Structure formats: structure tokens, C-alpha cells
Amino acid sequence: DDPGAVPRILLAHAIVLSFGGLPVLWM
């Protein structure tokens, strides 16, 4: 229940989505 969790999750996705290559989400 850390208040930064959701922003942190979306930040991690943003890094991967902007880095290049074929980004894959885990179910």
C-alpha cells in the first residue's frame, strides 16, 4: 500500500516502452 506504487509501476512501463525493441507485458 505504498502511495508511490502506481506511479512507480507506470514509470517502469514508460521506461521500457520508450527504450526500443519489442516490449512485452507479463500477464
PDB file of all heavy atoms in Angstrom:
ATOM      1  N   ASP A   1       0.815  -1.219   0.000  1.00  0.00           N
ATOM      2  CA  ASP A   1       0.000   0.000   0.000  1.00  0.00           C
ATOM      3  C   ASP A   1       0.846   1.265   0.000  1.00  0.00           C
ATOM      4  O   ASP A   1       0.466   2.292   0.579  1.00  0.00           O
ATOM      5  CB  ASP A   1      -0.956   0.024   1.208  1.00  0.00           C
ATOM      6  CG  ASP A   1      -2.004  -1.076   1.142  1.00  0.00           C
ATOM      7  OD1 ASP A   1      -2.481  -1.359   0.031  1.00  0.00           O
ATOM      8  OD2 ASP A   1      -2.336  -1.658   2.196  1.00  0.00           O
ATOM      9  N   ASP A   2       1.997   1.197  -0.649  1.00  0.00           N
ATOM     10  CA  ASP A   2       2.839   2.387  -0.747  1.00  0.00           C
ATOM     11  C   ASP A   2       2.210   3.371  -1.721  1.00  0.00           C
ATOM     12  O   ASP A   2       1.815   2.992  -2.831  1.00  0.00           O
ATOM     13  CB  ASP A   2       4.232   1.999  -1.241  1.00  0.00           C
ATOM     14  CG  ASP A   2       5.183   3.174  -1.243  1.00  0.00           C
ATOM     15  OD1 ASP A   2       5.766   3.462  -0.186  1.00  0.00           O
ATOM     16  OD2 ASP A   2       5.321   3.812  -2.302  1.00  0.00           O
ATOM     17  N   PRO A   3       2.095   4.647  -1.347  1.00  0.00           N
ATOM     18  CA  PRO A   3       1.420   5.612  -2.230  1.00  0.00           C
ATOM     19  C   PRO A   3       2.133   5.844  -3.557  1.00  0.00           C
ATOM     20  O   PRO A   3       1.520   6.314  -4.519  1.00  0.00           O
ATOM     21  CB  PRO A   3       1.384   6.892  -1.384  1.00  0.00           C
ATOM     22  CG  PRO A   3       2.443   6.704  -0.339  1.00  0.00           C
ATOM     23  CD  PRO A   3       2.489   5.236  -0.060  1.00  0.00           C
ATOM     24  N   GLY A   4       3.414   5.516  -3.625  1.00  0.00           N
ATOM     25  CA  GLY A   4       4.139   5.687  -4.884  1.00  0.00           C
ATOM     26  C   GLY A   4       4.065   4.489  -5.798  1.00  0.00           C
ATOM     27  O   GLY A   4       4.650   4.510  -6.893  1.00  0.00           O
ATOM     28  N   ALA A   5       3.335   3.442  -5.402  1.00  0.00           N
ATOM     29  CA  ALA A   5       3.370   2.187  -6.155  1.00  0.00           C
ATOM     30  C   ALA A   5       2.850   2.340  -7.579  1.00  0.00           C
ATOM     31  O   ALA A   5       3.512   1.919  -8.535  1.00  0.00           O
ATOM     32  CB  ALA A   5       2.576   1.114  -5.413  1.00  0.00           C
ATOM     33  N   VAL A   6       1.662   2.905  -7.757  1.00  0.00           N
ATOM     34  CA  VAL A   6       1.093   3.004  -9.102  1.00  0.00           C
ATOM     35  C   VAL A   6       1.952   3.903  -9.993  1.00  0.00           C
ATOM     36  O   VAL A   6       2.279   3.516 -11.135  1.00  0.00           O
ATOM     37  CB  VAL A   6      -0.365   3.476  -9.054  1.00  0.00           C
ATOM     38  CG1 VAL A   6      -0.886   3.769 -10.464  1.00  0.00           C
ATOM     39  CG2 VAL A   6      -1.238   2.405  -8.388  1.00  0.00           C
ATOM     40  N   PRO A   7       2.354   5.104  -9.532  1.00  0.00           N
ATOM     41  CA  PRO A   7       3.271   5.894 -10.376  1.00  0.00           C
ATOM     42  C   PRO A   7       4.555   5.151 -10.708  1.00  0.00           C
ATOM     43  O   PRO A   7       5.075   5.255 -11.820  1.00  0.00           O
ATOM     44  CB  PRO A   7       3.553   7.130  -9.515  1.00  0.00           C
ATOM     45  CG  PRO A   7       2.381   7.257  -8.610  1.00  0.00           C
ATOM     46  CD  PRO A   7       1.956   5.839  -8.322  1.00  0.00           C
ATOM     47  N   ARG A   8       5.053   4.372  -9.748  1.00  0.00           N
ATOM     48  CA  ARG A   8       6.291   3.615  -9.970  1.00  0.00           C
ATOM     49  C   ARG A   8       6.072   2.538 -11.032  1.00  0.00           C
ATOM     50  O   ARG A   8       6.939   2.313 -11.901  1.00  0.00           O
ATOM     51  CB  ARG A   8       6.712   2.977  -8.640  1.00  0.00           C
ATOM     52  CG  ARG A   8       8.183   2.679  -8.498  1.00  0.00           C
ATOM     53  CD  ARG A   8       8.471   2.134  -7.095  1.00  0.00           C
ATOM     54  NE  ARG A   8       8.360   3.158  -6.082  1.00  0.00           N
ATOM     55  CZ  ARG A   8       7.552   3.106  -5.035  1.00  0.00           C
ATOM     56  NH1 ARG A   8       6.766   2.063  -4.856  1.00  0.00           N
ATOM     57  NH2 ARG A   8       7.518   4.084  -4.167  1.00  0.00           N
ATOM     58  N   ILE A   9       4.944   1.860 -10.980  1.00  0.00           N
ATOM     59  CA  ILE A   9       4.621   0.835 -11.977  1.00  0.00           C
ATOM     60  C   ILE A   9       4.532   1.444 -13.365  1.00  0.00           C
ATOM     61  O   ILE A   9       5.097   0.926 -14.336  1.00  0.00           O
ATOM     62  CB  ILE A   9       3.303   0.126 -11.598  1.00  0.00           C
ATOM     63  CG1 ILE A   9       3.507  -0.750 -10.364  1.00  0.00           C
ATOM     64  CG2 ILE A   9       2.780  -0.717 -12.765  1.00  0.00           C
ATOM     65  CD1 ILE A   9       2.220  -1.264  -9.751  1.00  0.00           C
ATOM     66  N   LEU A  10       3.826   2.564 -13.483  1.00  0.00           N
ATOM     67  CA  LEU A  10       3.676   3.202 -14.793  1.00  0.00           C
ATOM     68  C   LEU A  10       4.999   3.771 -15.287  1.00  0.00           C
ATOM     69  O   LEU A  10       5.286   3.766 -16.489  1.00  0.00           O
ATOM     70  CB  LEU A  10       2.605   4.288 -14.724  1.00  0.00           C
ATOM     71  CG  LEU A  10       1.182   3.754 -14.496  1.00  0.00           C
ATOM     72  CD1 LEU A  10       0.196   4.902 -14.307  1.00  0.00           C
ATOM     73  CD2 LEU A  10       0.736   2.872 -15.662  1.00  0.00           C
ATOM     74  N   LEU A  11       5.842   4.245 -14.356  1.00  0.00           N
ATOM     75  CA  LEU A  11       7.166   4.731 -14.746  1.00  0.00           C
ATOM     76  C   LEU A  11       8.000   3.599 -15.325  1.00  0.00           C
ATOM     77  O   LEU A  11       8.662   3.766 -16.363  1.00  0.00           O
ATOM     78  CB  LEU A  11       7.877   5.341 -13.538  1.00  0.00           C
ATOM     79  CG  LEU A  11       9.320   5.775 -13.790  1.00  0.00           C
ATOM     80  CD1 LEU A  11       9.361   6.981 -14.733  1.00  0.00           C
ATOM     81  CD2 LEU A  11      10.025   6.114 -12.474  1.00  0.00           C
ATOM     82  N   ALA A  12       7.984   2.437 -14.670  1.00  0.00           N
ATOM     83  CA  ALA A  12       8.745   1.297 -15.182  1.00  0.00           C
ATOM     84  C   ALA A  12       8.277   0.929 -16.585  1.00  0.00           C
ATOM     85  O   ALA A  12       9.098   0.659 -17.473  1.00  0.00           O
ATOM     86  CB  ALA A  12       8.598   0.109 -14.229  1.00  0.00           C
ATOM     87  N   HIS A  13       6.967   0.903 -16.799  1.00  0.00           N
ATOM     88  CA  HIS A  13       6.447   0.619 -18.140  1.00  0.00           C
ATOM     89  C   HIS A  13       6.878   1.696 -19.127  1.00  0.00           C
ATOM     90  O   HIS A  13       7.220   1.392 -20.278  1.00  0.00           O
ATOM     91  CB  HIS A  13       4.923   0.526 -18.110  1.00  0.00           C
ATOM     92  CG  HIS A  13       4.397  -0.748 -17.525  1.00  0.00           C
ATOM     93  ND1 HIS A  13       4.783  -1.998 -17.961  1.00  0.00           N
ATOM     94  CD2 HIS A  13       3.498  -0.970 -16.528  1.00  0.00           C
ATOM     95  CE1 HIS A  13       4.155  -2.932 -17.270  1.00  0.00           C
ATOM     96  NE2 HIS A  13       3.374  -2.339 -16.391  1.00  0.00           N
ATOM     97  N   ALA A  14       6.863   2.956 -18.701  1.00  0.00           N
ATOM     98  CA  ALA A  14       7.247   4.050 -19.599  1.00  0.00           C
ATOM     99  C   ALA A  14       8.705   3.914 -20.032  1.00  0.00           C
ATOM    100  O   ALA A  14       9.047   4.177 -21.194  1.00  0.00           O
ATOM    101  CB  ALA A  14       7.014   5.400 -18.920  1.00  0.00           C
ATOM    102  N   ILE A  15       9.575   3.502 -19.112  1.00  0.00           N
ATOM    103  CA  ILE A  15      10.987   3.318 -19.461  1.00  0.00           C
ATOM    104  C   ILE A  15      11.131   2.239 -20.525  1.00  0.00           C
ATOM    105  O   ILE A  15      11.822   2.418 -21.536  1.00  0.00           O
ATOM    106  CB  ILE A  15      11.806   2.957 -18.203  1.00  0.00           C
ATOM    107  CG1 ILE A  15      11.868   4.148 -17.242  1.00  0.00           C
ATOM    108  CG2 ILE A  15      13.220   2.517 -18.601  1.00  0.00           C
ATOM    109  CD1 ILE A  15      12.479   3.820 -15.889  1.00  0.00           C
ATOM    110  N   VAL A  16      10.462   1.115 -20.311  1.00  0.00           N
ATOM    111  CA  VAL A  16      10.580   0.004 -21.256  1.00  0.00           C
ATOM    112  C   VAL A  16       9.937   0.345 -22.595  1.00  0.00           C
ATOM    113  O   VAL A  16      10.484   0.037 -23.667  1.00  0.00           O
ATOM    114  CB  VAL A  16       9.965  -1.263 -20.637  1.00  0.00           C
ATOM    115  CG1 VAL A  16       9.793  -2.355 -21.676  1.00  0.00           C
ATOM    116  CG2 VAL A  16      10.831  -1.764 -19.489  1.00  0.00           C
ATOM    117  N   LEU A  17       8.780   1.000 -22.572  1.00  0.00           N
ATOM    118  CA  LEU A  17       8.086   1.331 -23.820  1.00  0.00           C
ATOM    119  C   LEU A  17       8.847   2.365 -24.646  1.00  0.00           C
ATOM    120  O   LEU A  17       8.691   2.418 -25.866  1.00  0.00           O
ATOM    121  CB  LEU A  17       6.682   1.846 -23.518  1.00  0.00           C
ATOM    122  CG  LEU A  17       5.679   0.786 -23.051  1.00  0.00           C
ATOM    123  CD1 LEU A  17       4.442   1.439 -22.459  1.00  0.00           C
ATOM    124  CD2 LEU A  17       5.286  -0.138 -24.193  1.00  0.00           C
ATOM    125  N   SER A  18       9.676   3.174 -24.006  1.00  0.00           N
ATOM    126  CA  SER A  18      10.412   4.209 -24.747  1.00  0.00           C
ATOM    127  C   SER A  18      11.812   3.776 -25.121  1.00  0.00           C
ATOM    128  O   SER A  18      12.501   4.489 -25.851  1.00  0.00           O
ATOM    129  CB  SER A  18      10.496   5.490 -23.905  1.00  0.00           C
ATOM    130  OG  SER A  18      11.243   5.278 -22.713  1.00  0.00           O
ATOM    131  N   PHE A  19      12.245   2.607 -24.644  1.00  0.00           N
ATOM    132  CA  PHE A  19      13.643   2.227 -24.802  1.00  0.00           C
ATOM    133  C   PHE A  19      13.964   1.678 -26.184  1.00  0.00           C
ATOM    134  O   PHE A  19      15.099   1.743 -26.641  1.00  0.00           O
ATOM    135  CB  PHE A  19      14.025   1.189 -23.747  1.00  0.00           C
ATOM    136  CG  PHE A  19      15.510   0.979 -23.637  1.00  0.00           C
ATOM    137  CD1 PHE A  19      16.280   1.821 -22.853  1.00  0.00           C
ATOM    138  CD2 PHE A  19      16.146  -0.039 -24.329  1.00  0.00           C
ATOM    139  CE1 PHE A  19      17.652   1.651 -22.757  1.00  0.00           C
ATOM    140  CE2 PHE A  19      17.518  -0.228 -24.241  1.00  0.00           C
ATOM    141  CZ  PHE A  19      18.274   0.622 -23.448  1.00  0.00           C
ATOM    142  N   GLY A  20      12.990   1.115 -26.849  1.00  0.00           N
ATOM    143  CA  GLY A  20      13.252   0.481 -28.142  1.00  0.00           C
ATOM    144  C   GLY A  20      12.978  -1.003 -28.074  1.00  0.00           C
ATOM    145  O   GLY A  20      12.788  -1.584 -27.001  1.00  0.00           O
ATOM    146  N   GLY A  21      12.943  -1.637 -29.242  1.00  0.00           N
ATOM    147  CA  GLY A  21      12.684  -3.069 -29.282  1.00  0.00           C
ATOM    148  C   GLY A  21      11.205  -3.375 -29.229  1.00  0.00           C
ATOM    149  O   GLY A  21      10.343  -2.521 -29.479  1.00  0.00           O
ATOM    150  N   LEU A  22      10.915  -4.626 -28.904  1.00  0.00           N
ATOM    151  CA  LEU A  22       9.541  -5.110 -28.827  1.00  0.00           C
ATOM    152  C   LEU A  22       9.212  -5.307 -27.345  1.00  0.00           C
ATOM    153  O   LEU A  22       9.644  -6.285 -26.738  1.00  0.00           O
ATOM    154  CB  LEU A  22       9.411  -6.430 -29.579  1.00  0.00           C
ATOM    155  CG  LEU A  22       8.015  -6.948 -29.931  1.00  0.00           C
ATOM    156  CD1 LEU A  22       8.109  -8.059 -30.965  1.00  0.00           C
ATOM    157  CD2 LEU A  22       7.252  -7.461 -28.710  1.00  0.00           C
ATOM    158  N   PRO A  23       8.466  -4.380 -26.726  1.00  0.00           N
ATOM    159  CA  PRO A  23       8.144  -4.522 -25.300  1.00  0.00           C
ATOM    160  C   PRO A  23       7.061  -5.567 -25.083  1.00  0.00           C
ATOM    161  O   PRO A  23       6.092  -5.644 -25.829  1.00  0.00           O
ATOM    162  CB  PRO A  23       7.658  -3.124 -24.906  1.00  0.00           C
ATOM    163  CG  PRO A  23       7.174  -2.518 -26.173  1.00  0.00           C
ATOM    164  CD  PRO A  23       7.970  -3.123 -27.291  1.00  0.00           C
ATOM    165  N   VAL A  24       7.240  -6.381 -24.038  1.00  0.00           N
ATOM    166  CA  VAL A  24       6.299  -7.452 -23.730  1.00  0.00           C
ATOM    167  C   VAL A  24       5.793  -7.289 -22.296  1.00  0.00           C
ATOM    168  O   VAL A  24       6.590  -7.132 -21.365  1.00  0.00           O
ATOM    169  CB  VAL A  24       6.961  -8.841 -23.909  1.00  0.00           C
ATOM    170  CG1 VAL A  24       6.011  -9.957 -23.491  1.00  0.00           C
ATOM    171  CG2 VAL A  24       7.387  -9.043 -25.365  1.00  0.00           C
ATOM    172  N   LEU A  25       4.471  -7.365 -22.138  1.00  0.00           N
ATOM    173  CA  LEU A  25       3.838  -7.309 -20.819  1.00  0.00           C
ATOM    174  C   LEU A  25       3.663  -8.722 -20.290  1.00  0.00           C
ATOM    175  O   LEU A  25       3.297  -9.633 -21.041  1.00  0.00           O
ATOM    176  CB  LEU A  25       2.457  -6.654 -20.907  1.00  0.00           C
ATOM    177  CG  LEU A  25       2.349  -5.272 -21.541  1.00  0.00           C
ATOM    178  CD1 LEU A  25       0.884  -4.871 -21.654  1.00  0.00           C
ATOM    179  CD2 LEU A  25       3.115  -4.256 -20.724  1.00  0.00           C
ATOM    180  N   TRP A  26       3.890  -8.900 -18.981  1.00  0.00           N
ATOM    181  CA  TRP A  26       3.607 -10.180 -18.357  1.00  0.00           C
ATOM    182  C   TRP A  26       2.177 -10.163 -17.841  1.00  0.00           C
ATOM    183  O   TRP A  26       1.735  -9.180 -17.247  1.00  0.00           O
ATOM    184  CB  TRP A  26       4.594 -10.454 -17.219  1.00  0.00           C
ATOM    185  CG  TRP A  26       4.297 -11.732 -16.491  1.00  0.00           C
ATOM    186  CD1 TRP A  26       3.925 -11.872 -15.190  1.00  0.00           C
ATOM    187  CD2 TRP A  26       4.311 -13.064 -17.044  1.00  0.00           C
ATOM    188  NE1 TRP A  26       3.722 -13.203 -14.880  1.00  0.00           N
ATOM    189  CE2 TRP A  26       3.955 -13.959 -16.001  1.00  0.00           C
ATOM    190  CE3 TRP A  26       4.597 -13.592 -18.305  1.00  0.00           C
ATOM    191  CZ2 TRP A  26       3.869 -15.337 -16.187  1.00  0.00           C
ATOM    192  CZ3 TRP A  26       4.510 -14.959 -18.486  1.00  0.00           C
ATOM    193  CH2 TRP A  26       4.160 -15.814 -17.443  1.00  0.00           C
ATOM    194  N   MET A  27       1.447 -11.238 -18.100  1.00  0.00           N
ATOM    195  CA  MET A  27       0.030 -11.330 -17.762  1.00  0.00           C
ATOM    196  C   MET A  27      -0.257 -10.868 -16.331  1.00  0.00           C
ATOM    197  O   MET A  27       0.376 -11.318 -15.381  1.00  0.00           O
ATOM    198  CB  MET A  27      -0.455 -12.762 -17.915  1.00  0.00           C
ATOM    199  CG  MET A  27      -1.960 -12.940 -17.756  1.00  0.00           C
ATOM    200  SD  MET A  27      -2.393 -14.624 -17.241  1.00  0.00           S
ATOM    201  CE  MET A  27      -2.061 -14.520 -15.476  1.00  0.00           C
TER     202      MET A  27
END
